Protein backbone atom coordinates (compact mmCIF):
# COMPACT_ATOMS: atom_id res chain seq x y z
CA UNK A 1 103.69 -88.21 273.85
CA UNK A 2 102.21 -84.84 274.66
CA UNK A 3 99.90 -83.12 272.23
CA UNK A 4 101.39 -80.15 270.43
CA UNK A 5 99.92 -76.78 271.26
CA UNK A 6 98.34 -74.50 268.64
CA UNK A 7 101.38 -72.19 268.36
CA UNK A 8 103.67 -75.10 267.58
CA UNK A 9 101.28 -76.49 264.97
CA UNK A 10 100.99 -73.06 263.34
CA UNK A 11 104.78 -72.75 263.27
CA UNK A 12 105.11 -76.17 261.64
CA UNK A 13 102.51 -75.21 259.02
CA UNK A 14 104.38 -71.97 258.26
CA UNK A 15 107.67 -73.83 257.94
CA UNK A 16 106.11 -76.36 255.56
CA UNK A 17 104.69 -73.54 253.43
CA UNK A 18 108.07 -71.80 253.37
CA UNK A 19 109.77 -75.08 252.44
CA UNK A 20 107.32 -75.58 249.56
CA UNK A 21 108.05 -72.06 248.31
CA UNK A 22 111.79 -72.68 248.49
CA UNK A 23 111.42 -75.97 246.59
CA UNK A 24 109.59 -74.13 243.81
CA UNK A 25 112.28 -71.43 243.64
CA UNK A 26 115.08 -74.01 243.55
CA UNK A 27 113.27 -75.89 240.79
CA UNK A 28 112.96 -72.71 238.74
CA UNK A 29 116.66 -71.88 239.26
CA UNK A 30 117.71 -75.41 238.26
CA UNK A 31 115.64 -75.13 235.09
CA UNK A 32 117.18 -71.76 234.29
CA UNK A 33 120.70 -73.12 234.93
CA UNK A 34 120.12 -76.11 232.68
CA UNK A 35 118.87 -73.85 229.88
CA UNK A 36 121.90 -71.58 230.30
CA UNK A 37 124.22 -74.58 230.20
CA UNK A 38 122.59 -75.85 227.01
CA UNK A 39 122.91 -72.41 225.41
CA UNK A 40 126.58 -72.16 226.42
CA UNK A 41 127.37 -75.64 225.11
CA UNK A 42 125.90 -74.68 221.73
CA UNK A 43 128.94 -72.44 221.16
CA UNK A 44 129.43 -68.73 220.75
CA UNK A 45 126.75 -66.72 219.02
CA UNK A 46 127.22 -64.86 215.74
CA UNK A 47 127.52 -61.61 217.69
CA UNK A 48 130.27 -63.10 219.89
CA UNK A 49 132.17 -64.30 216.82
CA UNK A 50 131.99 -60.82 215.27
CA UNK A 51 133.31 -59.26 218.48
CA UNK A 52 136.17 -61.79 218.68
CA UNK A 53 136.99 -61.21 215.02
CA UNK A 54 137.06 -57.44 215.51
CA UNK A 55 139.32 -57.77 218.56
CA UNK A 56 141.75 -60.04 216.69
CA UNK A 57 141.77 -57.68 213.71
CA UNK A 58 142.43 -54.68 215.96
CA UNK A 59 145.26 -56.50 217.75
CA UNK A 60 146.96 -57.90 214.64
CA UNK A 61 146.19 -54.96 212.37
CA UNK A 62 144.92 -57.28 209.64
CA UNK A 63 141.79 -59.31 209.14
CA UNK A 64 142.37 -62.86 210.37
CA UNK A 65 140.18 -65.87 209.70
CA UNK A 66 138.95 -67.43 212.93
CA UNK A 67 138.58 -71.17 212.49
CA UNK A 68 137.60 -72.29 215.97
CA UNK A 69 136.69 -70.78 219.31
CA UNK A 70 136.85 -72.83 222.49
CA UNK A 71 135.21 -71.80 225.73
CA UNK A 72 137.73 -72.41 228.51
CA UNK A 73 136.61 -72.61 232.10
CA UNK A 74 139.67 -71.50 233.99
CA UNK A 75 140.53 -69.15 236.80
CA UNK A 76 143.97 -68.48 235.29
CA UNK A 77 143.01 -64.96 234.17
CA UNK A 78 141.88 -64.07 237.68
CA UNK A 79 145.03 -65.55 239.21
CA UNK A 80 147.30 -63.62 236.85
CA UNK A 81 145.39 -60.41 237.58
CA UNK A 82 145.70 -60.91 241.33
CA UNK A 83 149.40 -61.67 241.01
CA UNK A 84 149.92 -58.47 239.02
CA UNK A 85 148.13 -56.37 241.61
CA UNK A 86 149.92 -58.00 244.52
CA UNK A 87 153.32 -57.67 242.82
CA UNK A 88 152.74 -53.96 242.20
CA UNK A 89 152.57 -53.20 245.93
CA UNK A 90 155.74 -52.56 247.87
CA UNK A 91 156.09 -54.06 251.29
CA UNK A 92 158.42 -52.19 253.61
């Protein structure tokens, strides 16, 4: 096996350093994502509940008691919005 020249060794060292930096960044992002997931699983905040309550009261015209709020992970809202936009265009 031939010995690697200096340029190749320098390139390998740079790639290893870059890989170490990327590993640190990924670790930090994973930690942040896990903290965000834990906060989201704790339920809506007091501020969110007040905003939901105000929206329901404005829609119904009366104060309604909110008993439960469930966070739903769904793309249904986006699909309905796209369908509405696409249906509003006329194709000739």
